[in-house]
Amino acid sequence: MTNAVVPLILRRMRMPLLVLISAYAIAVVGLTLMPGQTPDGEPWRMDFFHAFYVVTYTAPTIGFGEIPYEFTGAQRLWVTFSIYLTVLSWLYAVGTIIALIQDPSFRGAMKRGRLRRAVRQMSEPFYIVCGYGDTGGLLVRALTEHRRRAVVVDHRESAIHSLELRDLKVHVPGFHLDAEHPENLDTAGLRHRWCAGIIAVTDSDHANLKVALTSKLLNPGMTVVARSQTAAGAANIASFGTDSVVNAYDAFADRLVLAIRTPDMHRILDWLTGIPATPLRERPQPPAGTWIICGYGRLGRAVCRDLARQGIRTVLVDEDPVGNGCPPDTIPGKGTEAHTLRAAGIDRASALLAATDDDADNLSIVMTARQINDTIYLAARENELSSKPLYQEAGIDLLVEPSYILASRILSVLNAPLLEDFLAQARARDKDWQHRLMGHIRAVACGTTPETWTLRVSRNRAPAVLRALDRDRPVTLAGITHHPRDRRRPLDCIALALVREGEMTLLPGPETALASGDRILFCGSSRALGLMRVPLQHDRNLHYMLTGESHPDSGIWRFLARRHGPDGPAPTRPR
């Protein structure tokens, strides 16, 4: 496929080129055979050079001239025939060229060639996003907002057109290709030296499985994150070493139970795995009473299962109880009708979840439920991002956004690989610990979802720290988490965890001494992330952060400092 354009041109232009060559050959040979004469009346025949020269400027109608002598009648007759022959040949060739340029396959090959060159020229880490639906769009936007590169692969031409129309901060090549074929992933840069990972978020579990398997075989060291819509699909994808498998419905059901039992831990998880720079979410706590679930699809099954494990009663409403394998006590109906909700006990229920795969039905269920019971807690599934304004106007307490859940979880895996382990250990802590941490995160977030990032104390990431440690100078966590121009002012960030020799320490204190190889998980503002890089890279700034002493940068000031001491030049005595 790398040289598809040239064979396509040669194949389509073969006949026009043969016609042109034949026309020129006939015209040139015939002109050499036509009898002519010199001005003295001597017989003369044109040689091949002059014949080719005359046909060359005559065939494309550039001009006409009788050289080197005036033509005879036979020569003029042949030149007239040659003009018609070659002009018609050129019209045929030009028409074929125009048709070739307008051919979709040729334009597609040309476009893929440009995209391949753009990928080959990348000189910084990038991610391949397979599937440019709602989830893929959120991921690409979040990556490019932070100046991170991405490449999109999607089998739908409309999706690639949508990508090209978006105003992104960096250029994102988009390939109209089927990601299930290994050669297409290779075209998109799977084995490129700067390919940092691949994200499979198509709407097909089989396609995501094929992408993950291909990636692990062709580039085993890269990060692979895949979406799965079923438990069996998730187990299959995870079986060969996929780094992370995300199921939006299982993730929501887990978060719902967490919000009911430990609301502070739910806020921590929601904030740390959210898309950065979006408004910080403050959701009302879901009740622990009876829940009505309308729709027994993937979301309804996951929620019913997890609520039942917590001993929370659920009442199921489904349009086809037998066909969908619902429990025997399921109430038949969509839930859009008042009598169906009344049969489900809407008057006595604490909460309702509209979990169908149709946004119009979900909105109708919510509005009908509110008319019957205006105090009920309402949750609804958003199937398409385009329906978000309608859900916002409906005033729903908890909006289930599968695309947002998937995108946020995947971004947390890419940005902070330690986050999953930290959240697992944080969930085991007591509620007071979780409440304090929630307050700290809210304080540094400043109203927006915080960034999460992982710092590795290494030569590449923190060279100034390593140089200080090599000189046996201790470096504490406080030395890199305060403002580089005012060491008394802490940055808007929290050290959530420190991993040393495989052991994780939660919320390490500012006096914690750093060691080579440490990995530290932070959350905070993007400004704090930028300022933290200063003491990590610059020895003088790190020295100031640790000691409070500011070394001069200029050569003159360093000379004066050595001559007169740290207080500067001595004052001169007036004469």
Protein backbone atom coordinates (compact mmCIF):
# COMPACT_ATOMS: atom_id res chain seq x y z
CA MET A 1 0.00 0.00 0.00
CA THR A 2 2.97 2.33 0.50
CA ASN A 3 3.37 2.83 -3.26
CA ALA A 4 -0.29 2.52 -4.29
CA VAL A 5 -0.38 5.86 -6.13
CA VAL A 6 2.29 5.07 -8.76
CA PRO A 7 0.83 1.68 -9.84
CA LEU A 8 -2.62 3.26 -10.02
CA ILE A 9 -1.37 6.05 -12.29
CA LEU A 10 0.50 3.62 -14.53
CA ARG A 11 -2.48 1.31 -14.77
CA ARG A 12 -4.98 4.04 -15.63
CA MET A 13 -2.62 5.98 -17.96
CA ARG A 14 -1.29 2.96 -19.85
CA MET A 15 -3.65 3.23 -22.83
CA PRO A 16 -3.50 7.06 -23.16
CA LEU A 17 0.32 6.89 -23.10
CA LEU A 18 0.33 4.17 -25.77
CA VAL A 19 -2.01 6.23 -27.92
CA LEU A 20 0.18 9.35 -27.55
CA ILE A 21 3.38 7.45 -28.31
CA SER A 22 1.81 5.79 -31.33
CA ALA A 23 0.43 9.11 -32.63
CA TYR A 24 3.83 10.83 -32.28
CA ALA A 25 5.61 7.88 -33.88
CA ILE A 26 3.24 7.84 -36.87
CA ALA A 27 3.49 11.62 -37.27
CA VAL A 28 7.30 11.70 -37.07
CA VAL A 29 7.92 8.70 -39.33
CA GLY A 30 5.40 9.90 -41.89
CA LEU A 31 6.95 13.38 -41.99
CA THR A 32 10.38 11.89 -42.74
CA LEU A 33 8.91 9.92 -45.65
CA MET A 34 7.09 12.85 -47.26
CA PRO A 35 9.10 14.23 -50.26
CA GLY A 36 10.27 17.84 -50.05
CA GLN A 37 12.66 20.08 -51.93
CA THR A 38 15.25 22.77 -51.31
CA PRO A 39 14.89 26.38 -52.56
CA ASP A 40 17.08 25.33 -55.51
CA GLY A 41 14.55 22.67 -56.53
CA GLU A 42 16.67 19.75 -55.31
CA PRO A 43 14.76 16.79 -53.76
CA TRP A 44 15.07 16.62 -49.95
CA ARG A 45 13.65 14.59 -47.06
CA MET A 46 13.39 15.75 -43.46
CA ASP A 47 15.55 13.86 -40.92
CA PHE A 48 14.17 12.40 -37.68
CA PHE A 49 15.43 15.27 -35.51
CA HIS A 50 13.71 17.99 -37.52
CA ALA A 51 10.57 15.85 -37.90
CA PHE A 52 10.36 15.29 -34.14
CA TYR A 53 10.98 18.99 -33.53
CA VAL A 54 8.15 20.05 -35.91
CA VAL A 55 5.68 17.53 -34.41
CA THR A 56 6.65 18.55 -30.87
CA TYR A 57 5.62 22.19 -31.25
CA THR A 58 2.77 21.47 -33.64
CA ALA A 59 0.96 18.63 -31.78
CA PRO A 60 0.05 20.64 -28.63
CA THR A 61 -0.92 23.63 -30.89
CA ILE A 62 1.90 25.76 -29.56
CA GLY A 63 2.80 27.05 -33.02
CA PHE A 64 3.66 26.13 -36.62
CA GLY A 65 6.62 26.79 -38.88
CA GLU A 66 7.99 25.22 -42.08
CA ILE A 67 11.65 24.43 -41.38
CA PRO A 68 14.32 24.16 -42.55
CA TYR A 69 12.75 24.74 -45.96
CA GLU A 70 9.29 25.61 -47.15
CA PHE A 71 7.06 22.49 -47.20
CA THR A 72 5.76 20.86 -50.32
CA GLY A 73 2.09 19.99 -50.73
CA ALA A 74 2.67 16.39 -49.57
CA GLN A 75 4.42 17.58 -46.41
CA ARG A 76 1.69 20.10 -45.63
CA LEU A 77 -0.97 17.42 -46.13
CA TRP A 78 0.83 15.10 -43.73
CA VAL A 79 1.33 17.84 -41.15
CA THR A 80 -2.39 18.60 -41.31
CA PHE A 81 -3.16 14.93 -40.68
CA SER A 82 -0.61 14.85 -37.85
CA ILE A 83 -2.20 17.87 -36.14
CA TYR A 84 -5.61 16.19 -35.94
CA LEU A 85 -4.09 12.86 -34.92
CA THR A 86 -1.95 14.24 -32.08
CA VAL A 87 -4.50 16.79 -30.80
CA LEU A 88 -7.14 14.08 -30.49
CA SER A 89 -4.60 11.89 -28.71
CA TRP A 90 -3.86 14.71 -26.26
CA LEU A 91 -7.57 15.26 -25.62
CA TYR A 92 -7.95 11.58 -24.82
CA ALA A 93 -4.92 11.67 -22.47
CA VAL A 94 -5.99 14.89 -20.71
CA GLY A 95 -9.52 13.56 -20.28
CA THR A 96 -8.14 10.41 -18.67
CA ILE A 97 -5.95 12.52 -16.35
CA ILE A 98 -8.96 14.60 -15.24
CA ALA A 99 -11.01 11.44 -14.66
CA LEU A 100 -8.12 9.96 -12.66
CA ILE A 101 -7.83 13.05 -10.46
CA GLN A 102 -11.56 12.89 -9.72
CA ASP A 103 -11.51 9.15 -9.04
CA PRO A 104 -12.23 8.47 -5.32
CA SER A 105 -9.71 5.63 -5.13
CA PHE A 106 -6.92 7.80 -6.55
CA ARG A 107 -7.76 10.70 -4.22
CA GLY A 108 -7.89 8.27 -1.32
CA ALA A 109 -4.49 6.84 -2.24
CA MET A 110 -3.02 10.35 -2.52
CA LYS A 111 -4.50 11.31 0.84
CA ARG A 112 -3.19 8.16 2.53
CA GLY A 113 0.23 8.90 1.07
CA ARG A 114 0.21 12.38 2.64
CA LEU A 115 -0.97 10.96 5.97
CA ARG A 116 1.73 8.26 5.93
CA ARG A 117 4.37 10.92 5.37
CA ALA A 118 2.92 12.97 8.24
CA VAL A 119 3.12 9.94 10.55
CA ARG A 120 6.66 9.05 9.45
CA GLN A 121 7.78 12.61 10.19
CA MET A 122 6.48 12.58 13.77
CA SER A 123 9.29 13.10 16.26
CA GLU A 124 7.38 12.98 19.56
CA PRO A 125 5.20 10.34 21.29
CA PHE A 126 1.74 9.80 19.81
CA TYR A 127 -1.25 7.52 20.36
CA ILE A 128 -3.29 5.66 17.74
CA VAL A 129 -7.03 6.00 18.42
CA CYS A 130 -9.08 3.30 16.65
CA GLY A 131 -12.67 4.46 16.40
CA TYR A 132 -13.71 8.10 16.16
CA GLY A 133 -17.16 8.09 17.71
CA ASP A 134 -18.21 10.01 20.82
CA THR A 135 -15.52 8.37 22.97
CA GLY A 136 -12.79 8.73 20.37
CA GLY A 137 -13.69 12.38 19.84
CA LEU A 138 -13.42 13.11 23.57
CA LEU A 139 -10.07 11.33 23.77
CA VAL A 140 -8.59 13.15 20.79
CA ARG A 141 -9.78 16.52 22.08
CA ALA A 142 -8.36 15.86 25.56
CA LEU A 143 -5.02 14.69 24.14
CA THR A 144 -4.62 17.63 21.79
CA GLU A 145 -5.63 20.12 24.49
CA HIS A 146 -2.41 19.09 26.22
CA ARG A 147 -0.39 19.24 22.99
CA ARG A 148 -0.15 15.47 22.75
CA ARG A 149 -0.17 13.89 19.31
CA ALA A 150 -2.72 11.38 18.06
CA VAL A 151 -3.52 9.41 14.92
CA VAL A 152 -7.11 8.31 14.18
CA VAL A 153 -8.18 5.16 12.33
CA ASP A 154 -11.86 4.63 11.47
CA HIS A 155 -13.66 2.64 8.77
CA ARG A 156 -16.37 5.31 8.41
CA GLU A 157 -15.60 8.10 5.97
CA SER A 158 -18.04 10.41 7.78
CA ALA A 159 -16.00 10.07 10.99
CA ILE A 160 -12.78 11.12 9.22
CA HIS A 161 -14.59 14.08 7.64
CA SER A 162 -15.80 15.07 11.12
CA LEU A 163 -12.20 14.92 12.40
CA GLU A 164 -10.96 17.13 9.56
CA LEU A 165 -13.58 19.77 10.38
CA ARG A 166 -12.68 20.00 14.07
CA ASP A 167 -10.53 22.88 15.28
CA LEU A 168 -7.82 21.03 17.21
CA LYS A 169 -4.66 22.55 18.66
CA VAL A 170 -2.39 20.11 16.82
CA HIS A 171 -2.79 18.32 13.50
CA VAL A 172 -4.31 14.84 13.86
CA PRO A 173 -3.92 12.54 10.80
CA GLY A 174 -7.09 10.55 10.17
CA PHE A 175 -7.02 7.30 8.16
CA HIS A 176 -10.18 6.00 6.52
CA LEU A 177 -9.19 2.37 7.08
CA ASP A 178 -10.47 -0.75 8.83
CA ALA A 179 -8.51 -1.14 12.06
CA GLU A 180 -9.06 -4.91 12.08
CA HIS A 181 -6.47 -5.37 9.32
CA PRO A 182 -2.89 -5.42 10.67
CA GLU A 183 -1.43 -3.68 7.59
CA ASN A 184 -3.75 -0.72 8.20
CA LEU A 185 -2.49 -0.34 11.76
CA ASP A 186 1.05 -0.55 10.46
CA THR A 187 0.20 2.24 7.99
CA ALA A 188 -1.06 4.36 10.89
CA GLY A 189 2.29 4.03 12.69
CA LEU A 190 1.92 0.96 14.94
CA ARG A 191 5.62 0.12 14.64
CA HIS A 192 6.79 3.72 14.60
CA ARG A 193 9.54 4.39 17.15
CA TRP A 194 7.46 7.21 18.71
CA CYS A 195 4.19 5.25 18.98
CA ALA A 196 3.42 5.36 22.72
CA GLY A 197 0.22 3.35 22.71
CA ILE A 198 -2.95 2.32 20.95
CA ILE A 199 -6.53 2.91 22.10
CA ALA A 200 -9.25 0.62 20.72
CA VAL A 201 -12.64 2.27 21.22
CA THR A 202 -14.63 1.05 18.23
CA ASP A 203 -18.26 -0.05 18.71
CA SER A 204 -17.34 -3.70 18.09
CA ASP A 205 -15.79 -5.95 20.74
CA HIS A 206 -14.40 -8.18 17.99
CA ALA A 207 -12.65 -5.23 16.32
CA ASN A 208 -11.22 -4.05 19.66
CA LEU A 209 -10.01 -7.60 20.36
CA LYS A 210 -8.31 -7.76 16.95
CA VAL A 211 -6.66 -4.37 17.44
CA ALA A 212 -5.36 -5.28 20.90
CA LEU A 213 -4.07 -8.66 19.72
CA THR A 214 -2.34 -7.15 16.67
CA SER A 215 -0.73 -4.45 18.80
CA LYS A 216 0.65 -6.88 21.36
CA LEU A 217 2.11 -9.08 18.62
CA LEU A 218 3.64 -6.37 16.44
CA ASN A 219 4.74 -3.97 19.20
CA PRO A 220 4.74 -5.79 22.57
CA GLY A 221 6.22 -2.92 24.57
CA MET A 222 3.54 -0.35 23.83
CA THR A 223 0.54 0.54 26.03
CA VAL A 224 -2.72 -1.01 24.81
CA VAL A 225 -6.09 0.14 26.16
CA ALA A 226 -9.32 -1.37 24.83
CA ARG A 227 -13.03 -0.88 25.28
CA SER A 228 -15.33 -3.83 25.93
CA GLN A 229 -19.10 -3.95 26.19
CA THR A 230 -19.41 -7.41 27.75
CA ALA A 231 -17.70 -9.27 30.59
CA ALA A 232 -16.74 -12.14 28.27
CA GLY A 233 -15.21 -9.72 25.79
CA ALA A 234 -13.26 -7.97 28.55
CA ALA A 235 -11.85 -11.28 29.80
CA ASN A 236 -10.84 -12.26 26.27
CA ILE A 237 -9.10 -8.96 25.58
CA ALA A 238 -7.29 -9.01 28.94
CA SER A 239 -6.13 -12.62 28.50
CA PHE A 240 -3.06 -11.77 26.38
CA GLY A 241 -1.67 -8.87 28.41
CA THR A 242 -3.73 -5.84 27.38
CA ASP A 243 -2.76 -3.06 29.79
CA SER A 244 -6.32 -1.94 30.56
CA VAL A 245 -9.82 -3.03 29.51
CA VAL A 246 -12.62 -0.56 30.21
CA ASN A 247 -16.34 -1.41 30.38
CA ALA A 248 -18.40 1.76 30.78
CA TYR A 249 -21.47 0.02 32.21
CA ASP A 250 -19.59 -2.00 34.82
CA ALA A 251 -17.64 1.13 35.74
CA PHE A 252 -20.85 3.13 36.24
CA ALA A 253 -22.49 0.40 38.32
CA ASP A 254 -19.39 0.27 40.54
CA ARG A 255 -19.38 4.05 40.91
CA LEU A 256 -23.10 4.10 41.72
CA VAL A 257 -22.63 1.66 44.59
CA LEU A 258 -19.60 3.65 45.74
CA ALA A 259 -21.63 6.89 45.70
CA ILE A 260 -24.35 5.27 47.81
CA ARG A 261 -22.04 3.72 50.40
CA THR A 262 -19.04 6.11 50.51
CA PRO A 263 -19.89 9.40 48.76
CA ASP A 264 -16.55 11.03 49.58
CA MET A 265 -14.60 8.20 47.93
CA HIS A 266 -16.92 8.47 44.93
CA ARG A 267 -16.08 12.17 44.60
CA ILE A 268 -12.36 11.37 44.82
CA LEU A 269 -12.65 8.76 42.08
CA ASP A 270 -14.86 11.01 39.95
CA TRP A 271 -12.49 13.96 40.20
CA LEU A 272 -9.22 12.07 39.72
CA THR A 273 -10.46 10.14 36.68
CA GLY A 274 -12.36 13.02 35.07
CA ILE A 275 -11.29 14.88 31.95
CA PRO A 276 -8.99 17.73 33.09
CA ALA A 277 -10.07 21.39 32.75
CA THR A 278 -13.78 20.49 32.87
CA PRO A 279 -15.98 21.85 35.70
CA LEU A 280 -15.55 20.00 38.99
CA ARG A 281 -18.63 17.84 39.49
CA GLU A 282 -20.61 18.02 42.72
CA ARG A 283 -23.33 15.40 42.41
CA PRO A 284 -26.14 14.77 44.93
CA GLN A 285 -25.77 11.51 46.83
CA PRO A 286 -27.89 8.67 45.41
CA PRO A 287 -30.33 7.11 47.91
CA ALA A 288 -30.06 3.58 49.26
CA GLY A 289 -33.80 2.84 48.95
CA THR A 290 -35.71 1.04 46.20
CA TRP A 291 -34.50 1.65 42.63
CA ILE A 292 -36.66 1.29 39.51
CA ILE A 293 -34.57 0.20 36.49
CA CYS A 294 -36.20 0.83 33.09
CA GLY A 295 -34.40 -1.26 30.49
CA TYR A 296 -32.54 -4.54 30.99
CA GLY A 297 -29.72 -3.97 28.55
CA ARG A 298 -25.99 -3.87 29.37
CA LEU A 299 -26.38 -0.95 31.75
CA GLY A 300 -29.52 -2.28 33.45
CA ARG A 301 -27.93 -5.69 34.03
CA ALA A 302 -24.77 -4.22 35.55
CA VAL A 303 -26.68 -1.90 37.90
CA CYS A 304 -29.17 -4.59 38.99
CA ARG A 305 -26.29 -6.97 39.72
CA ASP A 306 -24.23 -4.53 41.80
CA LEU A 307 -27.20 -3.11 43.72
CA ALA A 308 -28.37 -6.63 44.56
CA ARG A 309 -24.92 -7.44 45.98
CA GLN A 310 -25.32 -4.48 48.33
CA GLY A 311 -28.77 -5.62 49.43
CA ILE A 312 -30.54 -2.72 47.68
CA ARG A 313 -33.98 -3.61 46.30
CA THR A 314 -34.59 -3.09 42.58
CA VAL A 315 -37.76 -3.20 40.47
CA LEU A 316 -37.19 -3.96 36.80
CA VAL A 317 -39.24 -2.59 33.88
CA ASP A 318 -38.56 -3.92 30.38
CA GLU A 319 -40.41 -3.91 27.06
CA ASP A 320 -39.57 -7.57 26.29
CA PRO A 321 -39.00 -9.44 29.57
CA VAL A 322 -38.90 -12.90 27.97
CA GLY A 323 -36.67 -12.03 25.02
CA ASN A 324 -34.17 -10.10 27.17
CA GLY A 325 -33.94 -12.80 29.84
CA CYS A 326 -35.37 -10.63 32.64
CA PRO A 327 -36.22 -11.93 36.12
CA PRO A 328 -39.74 -13.38 36.56
CA ASP A 329 -41.07 -10.38 38.51
CA THR A 330 -40.17 -7.89 35.75
CA ILE A 331 -42.95 -5.46 34.85
CA PRO A 332 -43.62 -5.38 31.08
CA GLY A 333 -43.49 -1.96 29.38
CA LYS A 334 -41.08 0.79 28.37
CA GLY A 335 -41.59 2.97 31.41
CA THR A 336 -42.70 5.89 29.30
CA GLU A 337 -46.31 5.24 30.37
CA ALA A 338 -47.58 6.40 33.74
CA HIS A 339 -49.46 3.14 34.46
CA THR A 340 -46.26 1.11 33.98
CA LEU A 341 -44.35 3.25 36.48
CA ARG A 342 -47.22 3.10 38.94
CA ALA A 343 -47.22 -0.68 38.65
CA ALA A 344 -43.50 -0.57 39.49
CA GLY A 345 -44.24 1.43 42.66
CA ILE A 346 -43.02 4.85 41.57
CA ASP A 347 -44.88 6.47 44.47
CA ARG A 348 -42.80 4.57 47.04
CA ALA A 349 -39.49 4.26 45.15
CA SER A 350 -36.42 6.29 46.10
CA ALA A 351 -34.73 6.43 42.69
CA LEU A 352 -35.26 5.64 39.02
CA LEU A 353 -32.74 4.82 36.29
CA ALA A 354 -33.78 5.23 32.62
CA ALA A 355 -31.37 2.76 30.99
CA THR A 356 -32.79 2.14 27.52
CA ASP A 357 -30.69 2.60 24.35
CA ASP A 358 -32.96 5.39 23.05
CA ASP A 359 -32.50 8.95 24.31
CA ALA A 360 -36.06 9.97 23.49
CA ASP A 361 -37.44 7.08 25.58
CA ASN A 362 -35.11 7.88 28.47
CA LEU A 363 -36.17 11.53 28.53
CA SER A 364 -39.84 10.51 28.35
CA ILE A 365 -39.37 8.09 31.27
CA VAL A 366 -37.71 10.79 33.38
CA MET A 367 -40.38 13.41 32.70
CA THR A 368 -43.21 10.96 33.36
CA ALA A 369 -41.63 9.84 36.63
CA ARG A 370 -41.18 13.42 37.82
CA GLN A 371 -44.85 14.19 37.16
CA ILE A 372 -45.88 11.28 39.37
CA ASN A 373 -43.21 11.67 42.10
CA ASP A 374 -41.46 15.03 42.13
CA THR A 375 -39.08 14.01 44.95
CA ILE A 376 -37.65 10.88 43.32
CA TYR A 377 -33.92 10.72 42.52
CA LEU A 378 -33.52 10.52 38.73
CA ALA A 379 -30.70 8.95 36.71
CA ALA A 380 -30.63 8.45 32.95
CA ARG A 381 -28.36 7.00 30.29
CA GLU A 382 -27.10 9.38 27.60
CA ASN A 383 -26.60 7.39 24.40
CA GLU A 384 -25.35 10.20 22.15
CA LEU A 385 -23.41 13.36 23.00
CA SER A 386 -25.74 15.38 20.77
CA SER A 387 -28.52 14.77 23.31
CA LYS A 388 -26.61 16.42 26.19
CA PRO A 389 -28.48 19.78 26.00
CA LEU A 390 -31.80 17.95 26.38
CA TYR A 391 -30.61 16.04 29.42
CA GLN A 392 -29.25 19.22 30.97
CA GLU A 393 -32.62 20.94 30.57
CA ALA A 394 -34.36 17.90 32.10
CA GLY A 395 -32.55 18.52 35.40
CA ILE A 396 -31.43 14.93 35.96
CA ASP A 397 -29.61 14.18 39.23
CA LEU A 398 -27.18 11.63 37.78
CA LEU A 399 -26.39 11.42 34.08
CA VAL A 400 -24.86 8.18 32.81
CA GLU A 401 -22.41 9.18 30.06
CA PRO A 402 -20.75 6.02 28.71
CA SER A 403 -18.51 8.03 26.35
CA TYR A 404 -17.33 10.32 29.15
CA ILE A 405 -16.74 7.38 31.51
CA LEU A 406 -14.69 5.54 28.90
CA ALA A 407 -12.66 8.59 27.89
CA SER A 408 -11.90 9.62 31.47
CA ARG A 409 -10.84 6.13 32.53
CA ILE A 410 -8.59 5.74 29.50
CA LEU A 411 -7.00 9.14 30.02
CA SER A 412 -6.27 8.30 33.64
CA VAL A 413 -4.48 5.13 32.50
CA LEU A 414 -2.38 7.08 29.99
CA ASN A 415 -1.60 10.06 32.21
CA ALA A 416 -1.10 8.35 35.56
CA PRO A 417 -0.47 4.59 35.49
CA LEU A 418 -0.31 4.52 39.32
CA LEU A 419 -3.81 5.92 39.73
CA GLU A 420 -5.65 2.58 39.60
CA ASP A 421 -3.51 1.12 42.42
CA PHE A 422 -3.89 4.30 44.47
CA LEU A 423 -7.69 4.28 44.15
CA ALA A 424 -7.84 0.61 45.11
CA GLN A 425 -5.89 1.28 48.32
CA ALA A 426 -7.79 4.51 49.04
CA ARG A 427 -11.10 2.63 48.93
CA ALA A 428 -9.88 0.45 51.80
CA ARG A 429 -9.26 3.46 54.06
CA ASP A 430 -11.80 4.73 56.59
CA LYS A 431 -14.35 7.42 55.79
CA ASP A 432 -12.55 10.13 57.82
CA TRP A 433 -9.37 9.63 55.76
CA GLN A 434 -11.38 9.78 52.56
CA HIS A 435 -13.21 12.92 53.69
CA ARG A 436 -9.92 14.72 54.43
CA LEU A 437 -8.46 13.74 51.08
CA MET A 438 -11.62 14.90 49.32
CA GLY A 439 -11.25 18.30 50.98
CA HIS A 440 -7.58 18.58 49.96
CA ILE A 441 -8.40 17.76 46.32
CA ARG A 442 -11.23 20.30 46.25
CA ALA A 443 -8.85 22.96 47.61
CA VAL A 444 -6.19 22.48 44.92
CA ALA A 445 -8.68 21.90 42.08
CA CYS A 446 -9.98 25.50 42.12
CA GLY A 447 -13.33 24.52 40.63
CA THR A 448 -12.05 22.43 37.71
CA THR A 449 -11.18 18.75 37.36
CA PRO A 450 -7.52 18.42 38.39
CA GLU A 451 -4.69 16.99 36.34
CA THR A 452 -3.14 13.70 37.39
CA TRP A 453 0.43 12.84 36.49
CA THR A 454 3.25 10.51 37.48
CA LEU A 455 6.79 11.70 38.13
CA ARG A 456 9.68 9.26 37.93
CA VAL A 457 12.88 10.36 39.63
CA SER A 458 15.24 9.60 36.76
CA ARG A 459 17.93 11.22 34.61
CA ASN A 460 15.43 12.11 31.92
CA ARG A 461 12.56 13.37 34.08
CA ALA A 462 14.40 14.93 37.05
CA PRO A 463 18.08 15.49 36.14
CA ALA A 464 18.65 18.21 38.77
CA VAL A 465 17.34 15.95 41.54
CA LEU A 466 19.58 13.07 40.43
CA ARG A 467 22.64 15.36 40.34
CA ALA A 468 21.87 16.52 43.88
CA LEU A 469 21.45 12.94 45.09
CA ASP A 470 24.76 11.99 43.44
CA ARG A 471 26.40 14.70 45.59
CA ASP A 472 24.76 13.19 48.70
CA ARG A 473 22.47 16.18 49.08
CA PRO A 474 19.04 15.10 50.34
CA VAL A 475 16.05 16.25 48.30
CA THR A 476 12.64 16.27 49.95
CA LEU A 477 9.19 16.29 48.42
CA ALA A 478 8.75 19.89 49.61
CA GLY A 479 11.70 20.90 47.43
CA ILE A 480 9.74 20.21 44.24
CA THR A 481 6.18 21.03 45.34
CA HIS A 482 6.59 24.73 46.15
CA HIS A 483 6.69 27.76 43.88
CA PRO A 484 10.10 28.06 42.19
CA ARG A 485 10.21 31.83 42.89
CA ASP A 486 8.83 31.71 46.42
CA ARG A 487 9.71 28.54 48.32
CA ARG A 488 7.29 29.46 51.10
CA ARG A 489 4.28 29.18 48.79
CA PRO A 490 3.11 25.60 48.03
CA LEU A 491 1.91 24.69 44.57
CA ASP A 492 -1.69 23.70 43.90
CA CYS A 493 -0.92 19.99 43.94
CA ILE A 494 -1.01 16.95 46.19
CA ALA A 495 1.38 14.00 46.29
CA LEU A 496 -1.12 11.15 46.36
CA ALA A 497 1.27 8.21 46.45
CA LEU A 498 4.95 7.29 46.32
CA VAL A 499 6.12 3.93 44.99
CA ARG A 500 9.58 2.72 46.01
CA GLU A 501 10.83 -0.80 45.31
CA GLY A 502 7.28 -1.94 44.57
CA GLU A 503 5.77 -0.63 47.80
CA MET A 504 3.19 2.20 47.67
CA THR A 505 2.94 4.87 50.37
CA LEU A 506 -0.24 6.94 50.34
CA LEU A 507 -0.09 10.73 50.85
CA PRO A 508 3.65 11.03 51.58
CA GLY A 509 4.51 14.10 53.67
CA PRO A 510 6.52 17.10 52.43
CA GLU A 511 9.54 15.97 54.48
CA THR A 512 9.74 12.67 52.57
CA ALA A 513 13.23 12.23 51.09
CA LEU A 514 13.35 11.26 47.42
CA ALA A 515 15.44 8.45 45.98
CA SER A 516 16.46 7.46 42.48
CA GLY A 517 13.77 5.36 40.83
CA ASP A 518 10.90 6.70 42.92
CA ARG A 519 7.55 7.10 41.18
CA ILE A 520 5.24 9.76 42.59
CA LEU A 521 1.57 10.22 41.72
CA PHE A 522 0.37 13.84 41.81
CA CYS A 523 -2.90 15.65 41.26
CA GLY A 524 -3.33 19.38 40.91
CA SER A 525 -3.63 22.26 38.49
CA SER A 526 -1.95 22.36 35.09
CA ARG A 527 -0.07 25.47 36.27
CA ALA A 528 1.41 23.46 39.15
CA LEU A 529 2.50 20.77 36.68
CA GLY A 530 4.35 23.38 34.62
CA LEU A 531 6.02 25.08 37.63
CA MET A 532 7.12 21.75 39.10
CA ARG A 533 9.35 21.13 36.08
CA VAL A 534 11.61 24.09 37.02
CA PRO A 535 13.37 22.59 40.09
CA LEU A 536 13.42 19.19 38.43
CA GLN A 537 15.49 20.54 35.53
CA HIS A 538 17.58 23.40 36.95
CA ASP A 539 20.23 22.97 39.66
CA ARG A 540 20.23 26.58 40.88
CA ASN A 541 16.49 26.64 41.34
CA LEU A 542 16.54 23.31 43.19
CA HIS A 543 19.29 24.68 45.45
CA TYR A 544 17.10 27.69 46.24
CA MET A 545 14.10 25.43 46.94
CA LEU A 546 16.13 23.32 49.38
CA THR A 547 18.20 25.99 51.14
CA GLY A 548 16.61 29.36 50.46
CA GLU A 549 19.87 30.60 48.94
CA SER A 550 19.61 32.15 45.49
CA HIS A 551 22.70 31.80 43.32
CA PRO A 552 23.21 34.56 40.72
CA ASP A 553 22.97 33.58 37.08
CA SER A 554 25.04 36.32 35.43
CA GLY A 555 28.81 35.91 35.22
CA ILE A 556 29.38 39.46 36.56
CA TRP A 557 27.10 38.91 39.56
CA ARG A 558 28.76 35.53 40.29
CA PHE A 559 32.17 37.34 40.29
CA LEU A 560 30.87 40.04 42.64
CA ALA A 561 29.26 37.42 44.88
CA ARG A 562 32.57 35.53 45.22
CA ARG A 563 34.47 38.78 45.91
CA HIS A 564 32.13 40.41 48.40
CA GLY A 565 30.24 37.48 49.88
CA PRO A 566 26.58 36.54 49.76
CA ASP A 567 25.37 40.01 50.74
CA GLY A 568 26.63 41.59 47.54
CA PRO A 569 29.29 44.26 46.87
CA ALA A 570 30.53 46.28 49.81
CA PRO A 571 29.39 49.90 49.82
CA THR A 572 31.98 52.41 48.62
CA ARG A 573 33.23 55.08 51.00
CA PRO A 574 32.29 58.59 49.96
CA ARG A 575 35.23 60.91 49.29
